[in-house]
Amino acid sequence: MDKVTKKTKDGSATKAEEIPAGRTPANPASHDEKRHPEKSFRLDDVSLSVWMRTYPVRGVLTKFWSITVERSYKDRNGAWRYTRSFDPESLGKVVSLCQQASEYVSAQQAAR
């Protein structure tokens, strides 16, 4: 197994992690790189994004998923804004998008 040494912000090393040969540790995006969702779903003004990250767990890279939901609207100046608050009329859209995301993540997990 390869050993990977993580570094702190000040550049000093922390303890080494063991990663199986042929695998690389998860590298978080640098501050200059913008992460993108693995999959996005939209229903009118409500959108849901599925995010996937890979982390080593007991020396094996493991995938973890998370979900974000937001609603878009135009402010009084006509600029697009985004919020994570939903009015009662949006709740059905949120439920539908969550169902689609659940099916997508389940399919990804089954494909492993």
PDB file of N, CA and C in Angstrom:
ATOM      1  N   MET A   1       0.833  -1.184   0.000  1.00  0.00           N
ATOM      2  CA  MET A   1       0.000   0.000   0.000  1.00  0.00           C
ATOM      3  C   MET A   1       0.874   1.242   0.000  1.00  0.00           C
ATOM      4  N   ASP A   2       0.410   2.257  -0.728  1.00  0.00           N
ATOM      5  CA  ASP A   2       1.114   3.530  -0.745  1.00  0.00           C
ATOM      6  C   ASP A   2       0.733   4.318   0.492  1.00  0.00           C
ATOM      7  N   LYS A   3       1.648   5.157   0.953  1.00  0.00           N
ATOM      8  CA  LYS A   3       1.326   6.045   2.060  1.00  0.00           C
ATOM      9  C   LYS A   3       1.217   7.456   1.507  1.00  0.00           C
ATOM     10  N   VAL A   4       0.208   8.155   1.935  1.00  0.00           N
ATOM     11  CA  VAL A   4      -0.013   9.523   1.501  1.00  0.00           C
ATOM     12  C   VAL A   4       0.056  10.406   2.725  1.00  0.00           C
ATOM     13  N   THR A   5       0.883  11.448   2.657  1.00  0.00           N
ATOM     14  CA  THR A   5       0.994  12.370   3.770  1.00  0.00           C
ATOM     15  C   THR A   5       0.170  13.600   3.457  1.00  0.00           C
ATOM     16  N   LYS A   6      -0.735  13.932   4.341  1.00  0.00           N
ATOM     17  CA  LYS A   6      -1.545  15.133   4.171  1.00  0.00           C
ATOM     18  C   LYS A   6      -0.813  16.310   4.784  1.00  0.00           C
ATOM     19  N   LYS A   7      -1.046  17.484   4.247  1.00  0.00           N
ATOM     20  CA  LYS A   7      -0.420  18.686   4.768  1.00  0.00           C
ATOM     21  C   LYS A   7      -1.474  19.664   5.259  1.00  0.00           C
ATOM     22  N   THR A   8      -1.107  20.428   6.274  1.00  0.00           N
ATOM     23  CA  THR A   8      -2.007  21.443   6.796  1.00  0.00           C
ATOM     24  C   THR A   8      -1.827  22.721   5.998  1.00  0.00           C
ATOM     25  N   LYS A   9      -2.652  23.728   6.265  1.00  0.00           N
ATOM     26  CA  LYS A   9      -2.572  24.993   5.542  1.00  0.00           C
ATOM     27  C   LYS A   9      -1.190  25.628   5.620  1.00  0.00           C
ATOM     28  N   ASP A  10      -0.521  25.483   6.766  1.00  0.00           N
ATOM     29  CA  ASP A  10       0.792  26.107   6.913  1.00  0.00           C
ATOM     30  C   ASP A  10       1.914  25.280   6.284  1.00  0.00           C
ATOM     31  N   GLY A  11       1.547  24.140   5.650  1.00  0.00           N
ATOM     32  CA  GLY A  11       2.531  23.338   4.945  1.00  0.00           C
ATOM     33  C   GLY A  11       3.135  22.217   5.773  1.00  0.00           C
ATOM     34  N   SER A  12       2.847  22.155   7.062  1.00  0.00           N
ATOM     35  CA  SER A  12       3.402  21.083   7.873  1.00  0.00           C
ATOM     36  C   SER A  12       2.648  19.789   7.615  1.00  0.00           C
ATOM     37  N   ALA A  13       3.340  18.673   7.738  1.00  0.00           N
ATOM     38  CA  ALA A  13       2.745  17.374   7.441  1.00  0.00           C
ATOM     39  C   ALA A  13       1.933  16.863   8.614  1.00  0.00           C
ATOM     40  N   THR A  14       0.896  16.106   8.306  1.00  0.00           N
ATOM     41  CA  THR A  14       0.120  15.404   9.317  1.00  0.00           C
ATOM     42  C   THR A  14       0.368  13.920   9.124  1.00  0.00           C
ATOM     43  N   LYS A  15      -0.340  13.062   9.836  1.00  0.00           N
ATOM     44  CA  LYS A  15      -0.069  11.625   9.746  1.00  0.00           C
ATOM     45  C   LYS A  15      -0.383  11.072   8.363  1.00  0.00           C
ATOM     46  N   ALA A  16       0.331  10.015   8.010  1.00  0.00           N
ATOM     47  CA  ALA A  16       0.175   9.388   6.695  1.00  0.00           C
ATOM     48  C   ALA A  16      -1.040   8.489   6.695  1.00  0.00           C
ATOM     49  N   GLU A  17      -1.688   8.386   5.517  1.00  0.00           N
ATOM     50  CA  GLU A  17      -2.817   7.482   5.313  1.00  0.00           C
ATOM     51  C   GLU A  17      -2.375   6.383   4.369  1.00  0.00           C
ATOM     52  N   GLU A  18      -2.895   5.204   4.561  1.00  0.00           N
ATOM     53  CA  GLU A  18      -2.591   4.117   3.637  1.00  0.00           C
ATOM     54  C   GLU A  18      -3.677   4.049   2.578  1.00  0.00           C
ATOM     55  N   ILE A  19      -3.251   4.030   1.308  1.00  0.00           N
ATOM     56  CA  ILE A  19      -4.155   3.943   0.175  1.00  0.00           C
ATOM     57  C   ILE A  19      -3.735   2.717  -0.636  1.00  0.00           C
ATOM     58  N   PRO A  20      -4.670   1.857  -1.033  1.00  0.00           N
ATOM     59  CA  PRO A  20      -4.298   0.678  -1.816  1.00  0.00           C
ATOM     60  C   PRO A  20      -3.558   1.074  -3.089  1.00  0.00           C
ATOM     61  N   ALA A  21      -2.614   0.237  -3.519  1.00  0.00           N
ATOM     62  CA  ALA A  21      -1.857   0.491  -4.743  1.00  0.00           C
ATOM     63  C   ALA A  21      -2.827   0.641  -5.906  1.00  0.00           C
ATOM     64  N   GLY A  22      -2.517   1.555  -6.808  1.00  0.00           N
ATOM     65  CA  GLY A  22      -3.369   1.772  -7.971  1.00  0.00           C
ATOM     66  C   GLY A  22      -4.519   2.716  -7.717  1.00  0.00           C
ATOM     67  N   ARG A  23      -4.671   3.179  -6.500  1.00  0.00           N
ATOM     68  CA  ARG A  23      -5.744   4.121  -6.186  1.00  0.00           C
ATOM     69  C   ARG A  23      -5.124   5.422  -5.719  1.00  0.00           C
ATOM     70  N   THR A  24      -5.836   6.496  -5.924  1.00  0.00           N
ATOM     71  CA  THR A  24      -5.346   7.786  -5.472  1.00  0.00           C
ATOM     72  C   THR A  24      -6.287   8.329  -4.419  1.00  0.00           C
ATOM     73  N   PRO A  25      -5.779   9.099  -3.476  1.00  0.00           N
ATOM     74  CA  PRO A  25      -6.671   9.678  -2.473  1.00  0.00           C
ATOM     75  C   PRO A  25      -7.547  10.737  -3.109  1.00  0.00           C
ATOM     76  N   ALA A  26      -8.654  11.009  -2.464  1.00  0.00           N
ATOM     77  CA  ALA A  26      -9.537  12.067  -2.949  1.00  0.00           C
ATOM     78  C   ALA A  26      -8.809  13.390  -2.829  1.00  0.00           C
ATOM     79  N   ASN A  27      -8.810  14.132  -3.891  1.00  0.00           N
ATOM     80  CA  ASN A  27      -8.165  15.434  -3.879  1.00  0.00           C
ATOM     81  C   ASN A  27      -9.237  16.501  -3.922  1.00  0.00           C
ATOM     82  N   PRO A  28      -9.428  17.230  -2.835  1.00  0.00           N
ATOM     83  CA  PRO A  28     -10.436  18.282  -2.877  1.00  0.00           C
ATOM     84  C   PRO A  28     -10.036  19.337  -3.886  1.00  0.00           C
ATOM     85  N   ALA A  29     -11.023  19.975  -4.477  1.00  0.00           N
ATOM     86  CA  ALA A  29     -10.747  21.013  -5.468  1.00  0.00           C
ATOM     87  C   ALA A  29      -9.973  22.150  -4.828  1.00  0.00           C
ATOM     88  N   SER A  30      -9.030  22.678  -5.582  1.00  0.00           N
ATOM     89  CA  SER A  30      -8.277  23.814  -5.063  1.00  0.00           C
ATOM     90  C   SER A  30      -9.204  25.022  -5.004  1.00  0.00           C
ATOM     91  N   HIS A  31      -8.726  26.070  -4.372  1.00  0.00           N
ATOM     92  CA  HIS A  31      -9.552  27.271  -4.241  1.00  0.00           C
ATOM     93  C   HIS A  31      -9.850  27.892  -5.593  1.00  0.00           C
ATOM     94  N   ASP A  32      -9.008  27.619  -6.608  1.00  0.00           N
ATOM     95  CA  ASP A  32      -9.202  28.184  -7.931  1.00  0.00           C
ATOM     96  C   ASP A  32     -10.193  27.377  -8.769  1.00  0.00           C
ATOM     97  N   GLU A  33     -10.398  26.113  -8.408  1.00  0.00           N
ATOM     98  CA  GLU A  33     -11.304  25.257  -9.153  1.00  0.00           C
ATOM     99  C   GLU A  33     -12.684  25.281  -8.514  1.00  0.00           C
ATOM    100  N   LYS A  34     -13.712  25.321  -9.363  1.00  0.00           N
ATOM    101  CA  LYS A  34     -15.069  25.284  -8.852  1.00  0.00           C
ATOM    102  C   LYS A  34     -15.602  23.868  -9.011  1.00  0.00           C
ATOM    103  N   ARG A  35     -16.139  23.310  -7.955  1.00  0.00           N
ATOM    104  CA  ARG A  35     -16.739  21.984  -8.026  1.00  0.00           C
ATOM    105  C   ARG A  35     -18.061  22.072  -8.769  1.00  0.00           C
ATOM    106  N   HIS A  36     -18.393  20.997  -9.441  1.00  0.00           N
ATOM    107  CA  HIS A  36     -19.655  20.927 -10.166  1.00  0.00           C
ATOM    108  C   HIS A  36     -20.434  19.709  -9.677  1.00  0.00           C
ATOM    109  N   PRO A  37     -21.760  19.817  -9.664  1.00  0.00           N
ATOM    110  CA  PRO A  37     -22.545  18.654  -9.234  1.00  0.00           C
ATOM    111  C   PRO A  37     -22.395  17.514 -10.238  1.00  0.00           C
ATOM    112  N   GLU A  38     -22.583  16.309  -9.727  1.00  0.00           N
ATOM    113  CA  GLU A  38     -22.546  15.131 -10.595  1.00  0.00           C
ATOM    114  C   GLU A  38     -23.780  15.106 -11.485  1.00  0.00           C
ATOM    115  N   LYS A  39     -24.908  15.540 -10.950  1.00  0.00           N
ATOM    116  CA  LYS A  39     -26.170  15.518 -11.689  1.00  0.00           C
ATOM    117  C   LYS A  39     -27.069  16.619 -11.141  1.00  0.00           C
ATOM    118  N   SER A  40     -27.832  17.263 -12.018  1.00  0.00           N
ATOM    119  CA  SER A  40     -28.788  18.288 -11.592  1.00  0.00           C
ATOM    120  C   SER A  40     -30.161  17.966 -12.159  1.00  0.00           C
ATOM    121  N   PHE A  41     -31.169  18.278 -11.387  1.00  0.00           N
ATOM    122  CA  PHE A  41     -32.562  18.112 -11.798  1.00  0.00           C
ATOM    123  C   PHE A  41     -33.247  19.463 -11.620  1.00  0.00           C
ATOM    124  N   ARG A  42     -34.157  19.806 -12.542  1.00  0.00           N
ATOM    125  CA  ARG A  42     -34.872  21.082 -12.436  1.00  0.00           C
ATOM    126  C   ARG A  42     -36.339  20.868 -12.744  1.00  0.00           C
ATOM    127  N   LEU A  43     -37.170  21.560 -11.987  1.00  0.00           N
ATOM    128  CA  LEU A  43     -38.607  21.561 -12.224  1.00  0.00           C
ATOM    129  C   LEU A  43     -39.073  22.995 -12.015  1.00  0.00           C
ATOM    130  N   ASP A  44     -39.333  23.692 -13.107  1.00  0.00           N
ATOM    131  CA  ASP A  44     -39.703  25.112 -13.079  1.00  0.00           C
ATOM    132  C   ASP A  44     -38.629  25.926 -12.368  1.00  0.00           C
ATOM    133  N   ASP A  45     -38.970  26.545 -11.245  1.00  0.00           N
ATOM    134  CA  ASP A  45     -38.022  27.421 -10.549  1.00  0.00           C
ATOM    135  C   ASP A  45     -37.253  26.717  -9.435  1.00  0.00           C
ATOM    136  N   VAL A  46     -37.440  25.405  -9.277  1.00  0.00           N
ATOM    137  CA  VAL A  46     -36.769  24.649  -8.218  1.00  0.00           C
ATOM    138  C   VAL A  46     -35.739  23.720  -8.859  1.00  0.00           C
ATOM    139  N   SER A  47     -34.536  23.704  -8.297  1.00  0.00           N
ATOM    140  CA  SER A  47     -33.505  22.803  -8.811  1.00  0.00           C
ATOM    141  C   SER A  47     -32.873  22.028  -7.665  1.00  0.00           C
ATOM    142  N   LEU A  48     -32.396  20.834  -7.999  1.00  0.00           N
ATOM    143  CA  LEU A  48     -31.748  19.963  -7.037  1.00  0.00           C
ATOM    144  C   LEU A  48     -30.446  19.490  -7.663  1.00  0.00           C
ATOM    145  N   SER A  49     -29.372  19.518  -6.898  1.00  0.00           N
ATOM    146  CA  SER A  49     -28.077  19.056  -7.373  1.00  0.00           C
ATOM    147  C   SER A  49     -27.607  17.896  -6.521  1.00  0.00           C
ATOM    148  N   VAL A  50     -27.056  16.884  -7.191  1.00  0.00           N
ATOM    149  CA  VAL A  50     -26.483  15.717  -6.526  1.00  0.00           C
ATOM    150  C   VAL A  50     -24.969  15.877  -6.571  1.00  0.00           C
ATOM    151  N   TRP A  51     -24.348  15.839  -5.414  1.00  0.00           N
ATOM    152  CA  TRP A  51     -22.895  15.988  -5.295  1.00  0.00           C
ATOM    153  C   TRP A  51     -22.305  14.663  -4.862  1.00  0.00           C
ATOM    154  N   MET A  52     -21.166  14.305  -5.426  1.00  0.00           N
ATOM    155  CA  MET A  52     -20.496  13.061  -5.053  1.00  0.00           C
ATOM    156  C   MET A  52     -19.056  13.392  -4.685  1.00  0.00           C
ATOM    157  N   ARG A  53     -18.631  12.817  -3.582  1.00  0.00           N
ATOM    158  CA  ARG A  53     -17.238  12.939  -3.153  1.00  0.00           C
ATOM    159  C   ARG A  53     -16.711  11.552  -2.868  1.00  0.00           C
ATOM    160  N   THR A  54     -15.433  11.378  -3.069  1.00  0.00           N
ATOM    161  CA  THR A  54     -14.782  10.107  -2.795  1.00  0.00           C
ATOM    162  C   THR A  54     -13.786  10.319  -1.667  1.00  0.00           C
ATOM    163  N   TYR A  55     -13.881   9.499  -0.632  1.00  0.00           N
ATOM    164  CA  TYR A  55     -12.982   9.568   0.513  1.00  0.00           C
ATOM    165  C   TYR A  55     -12.453   8.174   0.826  1.00  0.00           C
ATOM    166  N   PRO A  56     -11.220   8.113   1.285  1.00  0.00           N
ATOM    167  CA  PRO A  56     -10.715   6.811   1.718  1.00  0.00           C
ATOM    168  C   PRO A  56     -11.308   6.428   3.073  1.00  0.00           C
ATOM    169  N   VAL A  57     -11.847   5.217   3.139  1.00  0.00           N
ATOM    170  CA  VAL A  57     -12.382   4.678   4.389  1.00  0.00           C
ATOM    171  C   VAL A  57     -11.694   3.336   4.599  1.00  0.00           C
ATOM    172  N   ARG A  58     -10.915   3.256   5.653  1.00  0.00           N
ATOM    173  CA  ARG A  58     -10.137   2.042   5.939  1.00  0.00           C
ATOM    174  C   ARG A  58      -9.317   1.618   4.737  1.00  0.00           C
ATOM    175  N   GLY A  59      -8.729   2.598   4.044  1.00  0.00           N
ATOM    176  CA  GLY A  59      -7.845   2.315   2.923  1.00  0.00           C
ATOM    177  C   GLY A  59      -8.529   2.071   1.598  1.00  0.00           C
ATOM    178  N   VAL A  60      -9.859   2.139   1.557  1.00  0.00           N
ATOM    179  CA  VAL A  60     -10.605   1.912   0.321  1.00  0.00           C
ATOM    180  C   VAL A  60     -11.364   3.183  -0.029  1.00  0.00           C
ATOM    181  N   LEU A  61     -11.239   3.612  -1.297  1.00  0.00           N
ATOM    182  CA  LEU A  61     -11.979   4.802  -1.717  1.00  0.00           C
ATOM    183  C   LEU A  61     -13.467   4.501  -1.713  1.00  0.00           C
ATOM    184  N   THR A  62     -14.229   5.341  -1.049  1.00  0.00           N
ATOM    185  CA  THR A  62     -15.666   5.151  -0.898  1.00  0.00           C
ATOM    186  C   THR A  62     -16.391   6.397  -1.382  1.00  0.00           C
ATOM    187  N   LYS A  63     -17.489   6.209  -2.105  1.00  0.00           N
ATOM    188  CA  LYS A  63     -18.274   7.338  -2.621  1.00  0.00           C
ATOM    189  C   LYS A  63     -19.352   7.732  -1.618  1.00  0.00           C
ATOM    190  N   PHE A  64     -19.524   9.044  -1.463  1.00  0.00           N
ATOM    191  CA  PHE A  64     -20.573   9.608  -0.620  1.00  0.00           C
ATOM    192  C   PHE A  64     -21.324  10.644  -1.437  1.00  0.00           C
ATOM    193  N   TRP A  65     -22.646  10.656  -1.314  1.00  0.00           N
ATOM    194  CA  TRP A  65     -23.475  11.605  -2.049  1.00  0.00           C
ATOM    195  C   TRP A  65     -24.146  12.574  -1.081  1.00  0.00           C
ATOM    196  N   SER A  66     -24.365  13.788  -1.563  1.00  0.00           N
ATOM    197  CA  SER A  66     -25.152  14.765  -0.814  1.00  0.00           C
ATOM    198  C   SER A  66     -26.019  15.529  -1.819  1.00  0.00           C
ATOM    199  N   ILE A  67     -27.028  16.187  -1.302  1.00  0.00           N
ATOM    200  CA  ILE A  67     -28.035  16.845  -2.137  1.00  0.00           C
ATOM    201  C   ILE A  67     -28.200  18.295  -1.687  1.00  0.00           C
ATOM    202  N   THR A  68     -28.312  19.204  -2.637  1.00  0.00           N
ATOM    203  CA  THR A  68     -28.693  20.587  -2.327  1.00  0.00           C
ATOM    204  C   THR A  68     -29.924  20.928  -3.160  1.00  0.00           C
ATOM    205  N   VAL A  69     -30.809  21.733  -2.588  1.00  0.00           N
ATOM    206  CA  VAL A  69     -32.040  22.145  -3.259  1.00  0.00           C
ATOM    207  C   VAL A  69     -32.136  23.660  -3.153  1.00  0.00           C
ATOM    208  N   GLU A  70     -32.522  24.309  -4.248  1.00  0.00           N
ATOM    209  CA  GLU A  70     -32.701  25.762  -4.219  1.00  0.00           C
ATOM    210  C   GLU A  70     -33.794  26.188  -5.177  1.00  0.00           C
ATOM    211  N   ARG A  71     -34.297  27.389  -4.938  1.00  0.00           N
ATOM    212  CA  ARG A  71     -35.339  27.974  -5.783  1.00  0.00           C
ATOM    213  C   ARG A  71     -34.807  29.279  -6.353  1.00  0.00           C
ATOM    214  N   SER A  72     -35.056  29.511  -7.627  1.00  0.00           N
ATOM    215  CA  SER A  72     -34.602  30.755  -8.256  1.00  0.00           C
ATOM    216  C   SER A  72     -35.772  31.738  -8.350  1.00  0.00           C
ATOM    217  N   TYR A  73     -35.441  33.004  -8.326  1.00  0.00           N
ATOM    218  CA  TYR A  73     -36.446  34.055  -8.469  1.00  0.00           C
ATOM    219  C   TYR A  73     -35.746  35.328  -8.946  1.00  0.00           C
ATOM    220  N   LYS A  74     -36.528  36.252  -9.472  1.00  0.00           N
ATOM    221  CA  LYS A  74     -35.981  37.541  -9.883  1.00  0.00           C
ATOM    222  C   LYS A  74     -36.302  38.572  -8.811  1.00  0.00           C
ATOM    223  N   ASP A  75     -35.299  39.358  -8.435  1.00  0.00           N
ATOM    224  CA  ASP A  75     -35.536  40.412  -7.448  1.00  0.00           C
ATOM    225  C   ASP A  75     -36.207  41.612  -8.122  1.00  0.00           C
ATOM    226  N   ARG A  76     -36.463  42.655  -7.368  1.00  0.00           N
ATOM    227  CA  ARG A  76     -37.194  43.804  -7.925  1.00  0.00           C
ATOM    228  C   ARG A  76     -36.431  44.528  -9.032  1.00  0.00           C
ATOM    229  N   ASN A  77     -35.119  44.298  -9.121  1.00  0.00           N
ATOM    230  CA  ASN A  77     -34.306  44.897 -10.184  1.00  0.00           C
ATOM    231  C   ASN A  77     -34.175  43.984 -11.400  1.00  0.00           C
ATOM    232  N   GLY A  78     -34.801  42.815 -11.345  1.00  0.00           N
ATOM    233  CA  GLY A  78     -34.758  41.883 -12.467  1.00  0.00           C
ATOM    234  C   GLY A  78     -33.558  40.948 -12.454  1.00  0.00           C
ATOM    235  N   ALA A  79     -32.741  40.992 -11.397  1.00  0.00           N
ATOM    236  CA  ALA A  79     -31.575  40.108 -11.301  1.00  0.00           C
ATOM    237  C   ALA A  79     -32.001  38.763 -10.714  1.00  0.00           C
ATOM    238  N   TRP A  80     -31.417  37.688 -11.244  1.00  0.00           N
ATOM    239  CA  TRP A  80     -31.726  36.356 -10.718  1.00  0.00           C
ATOM    240  C   TRP A  80     -31.075  36.160  -9.366  1.00  0.00           C
ATOM    241  N   ARG A  81     -31.834  35.623  -8.439  1.00  0.00           N
ATOM    242  CA  ARG A  81     -31.362  35.296  -7.085  1.00  0.00           C
ATOM    243  C   ARG A  81     -31.748  33.856  -6.777  1.00  0.00           C
ATOM    244  N   TYR A  82     -31.099  33.311  -5.767  1.00  0.00           N
ATOM    245  CA  TYR A  82     -31.357  31.925  -5.372  1.00  0.00           C
ATOM    246  C   TYR A  82     -31.562  31.850  -3.870  1.00  0.00           C
ATOM    247  N   THR A  83     -32.486  30.998  -3.460  1.00  0.00           N
ATOM    248  CA  THR A  83     -32.777  30.840  -2.040  1.00  0.00           C
ATOM    249  C   THR A  83     -32.978  29.366  -1.722  1.00  0.00           C
ATOM    250  N   ARG A  84     -32.779  29.034  -0.480  1.00  0.00           N
ATOM    251  CA  ARG A  84     -33.037  27.666  -0.018  1.00  0.00           C
ATOM    252  C   ARG A  84     -34.314  27.616   0.816  1.00  0.00           C
ATOM    253  N   SER A  85     -35.118  28.660   0.690  1.00  0.00           N
ATOM    254  CA  SER A  85     -36.431  28.714   1.341  1.00  0.00           C
ATOM    255  C   SER A  85     -37.491  28.453   0.280  1.00  0.00           C
ATOM    256  N   PHE A  86     -38.541  27.761   0.680  1.00  0.00           N
ATOM    257  CA  PHE A  86     -39.560  27.369  -0.284  1.00  0.00           C
ATOM    258  C   PHE A  86     -40.934  27.766   0.205  1.00  0.00           C
ATOM    259  N   ASP A  87     -41.764  28.252  -0.732  1.00  0.00           N
ATOM    260  CA  ASP A  87     -43.146  28.568  -0.400  1.00  0.00           C
ATOM    261  C   ASP A  87     -43.974  27.283  -0.524  1.00  0.00           C
ATOM    262  N   PRO A  88     -45.166  27.279   0.026  1.00  0.00           N
ATOM    263  CA  PRO A  88     -45.985  26.056  -0.013  1.00  0.00           C
ATOM    264  C   PRO A  88     -46.220  25.524  -1.428  1.00  0.00           C
ATOM    265  N   GLU A  89     -46.304  26.409  -2.420  1.00  0.00           N
ATOM    266  CA  GLU A  89     -46.528  25.981  -3.796  1.00  0.00           C
ATOM    267  C   GLU A  89     -45.330  25.223  -4.364  1.00  0.00           C
ATOM    268  N   SER A  90     -44.137  25.409  -3.808  1.00  0.00           N
ATOM    269  CA  SER A  90     -42.925  24.750  -4.299  1.00  0.00           C
ATOM    270  C   SER A  90     -42.689  23.379  -3.679  1.00  0.00           C
ATOM    271  N   LEU A  91     -43.410  23.055  -2.620  1.00  0.00           N
ATOM    272  CA  LEU A  91     -43.131  21.815  -1.900  1.00  0.00           C
ATOM    273  C   LEU A  91     -43.343  20.562  -2.751  1.00  0.00           C
ATOM    274  N   GLY A  92     -44.348  20.551  -3.590  1.00  0.00           N
ATOM    275  CA  GLY A  92     -44.573  19.402  -4.472  1.00  0.00           C
ATOM    276  C   GLY A  92     -43.402  19.210  -5.433  1.00  0.00           C
ATOM    277  N   LYS A  93     -42.836  20.318  -5.933  1.00  0.00           N
ATOM    278  CA  LYS A  93     -41.668  20.244  -6.820  1.00  0.00           C
ATOM    279  C   LYS A  93     -40.468  19.678  -6.066  1.00  0.00           C
ATOM    280  N   VAL A  94     -40.302  20.108  -4.821  1.00  0.00           N
ATOM    281  CA  VAL A  94     -39.189  19.613  -4.001  1.00  0.00           C
ATOM    282  C   VAL A  94     -39.316  18.101  -3.811  1.00  0.00           C
ATOM    283  N   VAL A  95     -40.514  17.635  -3.496  1.00  0.00           N
ATOM    284  CA  VAL A  95     -40.747  16.196  -3.297  1.00  0.00           C
ATOM    285  C   VAL A  95     -40.437  15.434  -4.578  1.00  0.00           C
ATOM    286  N   SER A  96     -40.908  15.916  -5.717  1.00  0.00           N
ATOM    287  CA  SER A  96     -40.672  15.243  -6.993  1.00  0.00           C
ATOM    288  C   SER A  96     -39.181  15.174  -7.314  1.00  0.00           C
ATOM    289  N   LEU A  97     -38.475  16.272  -7.121  1.00  0.00           N
ATOM    290  CA  LEU A  97     -37.033  16.295  -7.391  1.00  0.00           C
ATOM    291  C   LEU A  97     -36.269  15.381  -6.433  1.00  0.00           C
ATOM    292  N   CYS A  98     -36.696  15.334  -5.170  1.00  0.00           N
ATOM    293  CA  CYS A  98     -36.047  14.440  -4.201  1.00  0.00           C
ATOM    294  C   CYS A  98     -36.242  12.985  -4.609  1.00  0.00           C
ATOM    295  N   GLN A  99     -37.412  12.638  -5.132  1.00  0.00           N
ATOM    296  CA  GLN A  99     -37.653  11.273  -5.597  1.00  0.00           C
ATOM    297  C   GLN A  99     -36.726  10.940  -6.759  1.00  0.00           C
ATOM    298  N   GLN A 100     -36.583  11.873  -7.713  1.00  0.00           N
ATOM    299  CA  GLN A 100     -35.691  11.648  -8.851  1.00  0.00           C
ATOM    300  C   GLN A 100     -34.243  11.483  -8.378  1.00  0.00           C
ATOM    301  N   ALA A 101     -33.828  12.296  -7.432  1.00  0.00           N
ATOM    302  CA  ALA A 101     -32.461  12.208  -6.907  1.00  0.00           C
ATOM    303  C   ALA A 101     -32.244  10.893  -6.185  1.00  0.00           C
ATOM    304  N   SER A 102     -33.231  10.454  -5.423  1.00  0.00           N
ATOM    305  CA  SER A 102     -33.128   9.185  -4.705  1.00  0.00           C
ATOM    306  C   SER A 102     -32.954   8.026  -5.687  1.00  0.00           C
ATOM    307  N   GLU A 103     -33.727   8.033  -6.765  1.00  0.00           N
ATOM    308  CA  GLU A 103     -33.614   6.982  -7.771  1.00  0.00           C
ATOM    309  C   GLU A 103     -32.254   7.025  -8.453  1.00  0.00           C
ATOM    310  N   TYR A 104     -31.759   8.227  -8.739  1.00  0.00           N
ATOM    311  CA  TYR A 104     -30.452   8.377  -9.387  1.00  0.00           C
ATOM    312  C   TYR A 104     -29.335   7.848  -8.486  1.00  0.00           C
ATOM    313  N   VAL A 105     -29.315   8.261  -7.223  1.00  0.00           N
ATOM    314  CA  VAL A 105     -28.266   7.823  -6.303  1.00  0.00           C
ATOM    315  C   VAL A 105     -28.340   6.311  -6.078  1.00  0.00           C
ATOM    316  N   SER A 106     -29.543   5.774  -5.947  1.00  0.00           N
ATOM    317  CA  SER A 106     -29.700   4.325  -5.776  1.00  0.00           C
ATOM    318  C   SER A 106     -29.124   3.579  -6.984  1.00  0.00           C
ATOM    319  N   ALA A 107     -29.363   4.082  -8.180  1.00  0.00           N
ATOM    320  CA  ALA A 107     -28.831   3.454  -9.390  1.00  0.00           C
ATOM    321  C   ALA A 107     -27.312   3.530  -9.419  1.00  0.00           C
ATOM    322  N   GLN A 108     -26.747   4.667  -8.973  1.00  0.00           N
ATOM    323  CA  GLN A 108     -25.284   4.811  -8.927  1.00  0.00           C
ATOM    324  C   GLN A 108     -24.675   3.841  -7.920  1.00  0.00           C
ATOM    325  N   GLN A 109     -25.318   3.689  -6.787  1.00  0.00           N
ATOM    326  CA  GLN A 109     -24.817   2.779  -5.767  1.00  0.00           C
ATOM    327  C   GLN A 109     -24.901   1.330  -6.224  1.00  0.00           C
ATOM    328  N   ALA A 110     -25.954   0.978  -6.948  1.00  0.00           N
ATOM    329  CA  ALA A 110     -26.130  -0.388  -7.443  1.00  0.00           C
ATOM    330  C   ALA A 110     -25.120  -0.715  -8.534  1.00  0.00           C
ATOM    331  N   ALA A 111     -24.661   0.319  -9.248  1.00  0.00           N
ATOM    332  CA  ALA A 111     -23.719   0.112 -10.354  1.00  0.00           C
ATOM    333  C   ALA A 111     -22.300  -0.156  -9.873  1.00  0.00           C
ATOM    334  N   ARG A 112     -22.027   0.008  -8.572  1.00  0.00           N
ATOM    335  CA  ARG A 112     -20.668  -0.170  -8.059  1.00  0.00           C
ATOM    336  C   ARG A 112     -20.201  -1.553  -8.209  1.00  0.00           C
TER     337      ARG A 112
END
